[in-house]
Protein backbone atom coordinates (compact mmCIF):
# COMPACT_ATOMS: atom_id res chain seq x y z
CA PHE A 1 0.00 0.00 0.00
CA SER A 2 2.68 2.49 0.96
CA PHE A 3 4.56 2.30 -2.32
CA SER A 4 1.40 2.59 -4.41
CA PHE A 5 0.28 5.54 -2.27
CA LEU A 6 3.58 7.31 -2.76
CA TYR A 7 3.56 6.66 -6.49
CA ILE A 8 -0.04 7.61 -7.25
CA ARG A 9 -0.74 10.30 -4.69
CA ILE A 10 2.64 12.02 -4.56
CA TYR A 11 4.65 11.31 -7.70
CA MET A 12 1.66 11.58 -10.07
CA TRP A 13 0.29 14.61 -8.19
CA PHE A 14 3.41 16.62 -9.00
CA PHE A 15 2.48 16.47 -12.68
CA ILE A 16 -1.27 16.94 -12.42
CA GLY A 17 -1.77 19.06 -9.29
CA PRO A 18 0.01 22.26 -10.33
CA ARG A 19 -1.77 22.28 -13.72
CA TYR A 20 -5.11 21.76 -12.02
CA LEU A 21 -4.45 24.63 -9.61
CA MET A 22 -3.14 26.84 -12.43
CA HIS A 23 -6.31 26.28 -14.47
CA ASP A 24 -8.48 27.02 -11.44
CA PHE A 25 -6.53 30.20 -10.72
CA PHE A 26 -6.74 31.51 -14.28
CA PHE A 27 -10.40 30.58 -14.54
CA PHE A 28 -11.02 32.46 -11.28
CA TRP A 29 -9.03 35.43 -12.58
CA THR A 30 -10.97 35.67 -15.85
CA ILE A 31 -14.52 35.52 -14.42
CA PRO A 32 -15.63 39.18 -14.59
CA ASN A 33 -18.32 39.32 -11.90
CA TRP A 34 -18.24 38.03 -8.37
CA GLY A 35 -20.98 35.45 -8.20
CA LEU A 36 -21.69 31.82 -7.64
CA GLU A 37 -19.23 30.65 -10.32
CA LYS A 38 -16.34 32.71 -8.96
CA SER A 39 -17.08 31.57 -5.39
CA PHE A 40 -17.18 27.95 -6.50
CA VAL A 41 -13.87 28.20 -8.38
CA LEU A 42 -12.20 29.95 -5.42
CA MET A 43 -13.47 27.24 -3.07
CA GLN A 44 -12.27 24.55 -5.48
CA PHE A 45 -8.83 26.18 -5.64
CA CYS A 46 -8.60 26.38 -1.84
CA PHE A 47 -9.63 22.75 -1.45
CA GLY A 48 -7.06 21.76 -4.10
CA VAL A 49 -4.29 23.50 -2.17
CA PHE A 50 -5.47 22.04 1.13
CA LEU A 51 -5.73 18.48 -0.20
CA GLY A 52 -2.34 18.79 -1.91
CA LEU A 53 -0.73 19.81 1.37
CA LEU A 54 -2.60 17.06 3.17
CA GLN A 55 -1.22 14.51 0.72
CA LEU A 56 2.31 15.76 1.39
CA TYR A 57 1.70 15.40 5.13
CA TRP A 58 0.42 11.85 4.65
CA ALA A 59 3.46 11.11 2.50
CA VAL A 60 5.73 12.18 5.34
CA LEU A 61 3.86 9.87 7.71
CA VAL A 62 4.03 6.96 5.25
CA ILE A 63 7.78 7.49 4.72
CA ARG A 64 8.31 7.58 8.49
CA GLY A 65 6.39 4.33 8.77
CA ILE A 66 8.50 2.70 6.05
CA VAL A 67 11.70 3.84 7.73
CA ALA A 68 10.49 2.64 11.13
CA PHE A 69 9.60 -0.74 9.62
CA PHE A 70 12.95 -1.33 7.91
CA VAL A 71 15.34 0.36 10.34
CA PRO A 72 15.45 -1.37 13.71
CA LYS A 73 15.43 0.78 16.80
CA ASN A 74 18.23 0.51 19.29
CA LYS A 75 16.60 -0.62 22.46
CA LYS A 76 18.22 1.00 25.43
CA LYS A 77 18.80 -1.20 28.42
CA LYS A 78 16.99 0.00 31.47
CA LEU A 79 19.31 0.89 34.28
CA PRO A 80 18.66 -1.00 37.47
CA LEU A 81 17.08 0.99 40.25
CA PRO A 82 19.46 2.16 42.94
CA PRO A 83 19.24 0.25 46.18
CA THR A 84 16.66 1.70 48.54
CA SER A 85 17.93 3.36 51.63
CA LYS A 86 16.57 2.89 55.09
CA MET A 87 15.57 6.56 55.13
CA GLN A 88 11.93 7.48 54.47
CA SER A 89 10.35 10.90 53.97
CA ASN A 90 7.91 11.95 56.64
CA GLY A 91 6.09 14.42 54.34
CA TYR A 92 7.66 17.56 55.82
CA GLY A 93 10.82 17.58 53.72
CA THR A 94 12.92 15.78 56.30
CA LYS A 95 13.83 12.17 56.32
CA THR A 96 13.51 9.88 59.27
CA LYS A 97 15.29 6.64 59.87
CA GLN A 98 13.15 3.55 59.48
CA THR A 99 13.29 1.03 62.31
């Protein structure tokens, strides 16, 4: 899934996405009156930019997942806890000796 996502949604988008946004922008620019058509084209342009950025964000997450899958993490050994002392806090900031 990850490789097909990166190919179709990212690699192919770099060829189609900018042309789509350019056509929307020029169509928006050439509509003479502000009306329903111009509002629709502006909304379509904004959604195109938003979804393009969202695809790039998803691509970053997919690439991180691929890297995490193939590159093993170095597991740090947990340090043993220090030995407990015979001193115990009495709640007032001072320590008393346990008997």
